[in-house]
Amino acid sequence: MGETGSAIDHLRQLLDSASGETVSVATLRIDPVWDPLRGDPRFQALLAKYADRLPATALSDARHD
């Protein structure tokens, strides 16, 4: 859509919140919908920053074990 900066800002907000269920680094890495952003260094930095974060479902499962 040509709004790379805006998309990356929105993704950062989602990843900063507890909404790992909505979007996760794993999904961002493999879902072809994000292909237009892959070449952007800001997108790559976002993936690197949140690489070790578990999705909300994994955190919830770990708390119940």
Foldseek 3Di string as FASTA:
>chain_A
DPPLVVVLVVVLVCLVDLQLVVPPLVCCVPPCVNVVNVVPVSSVVSSVVRVPPDRNVVVVVVVVD
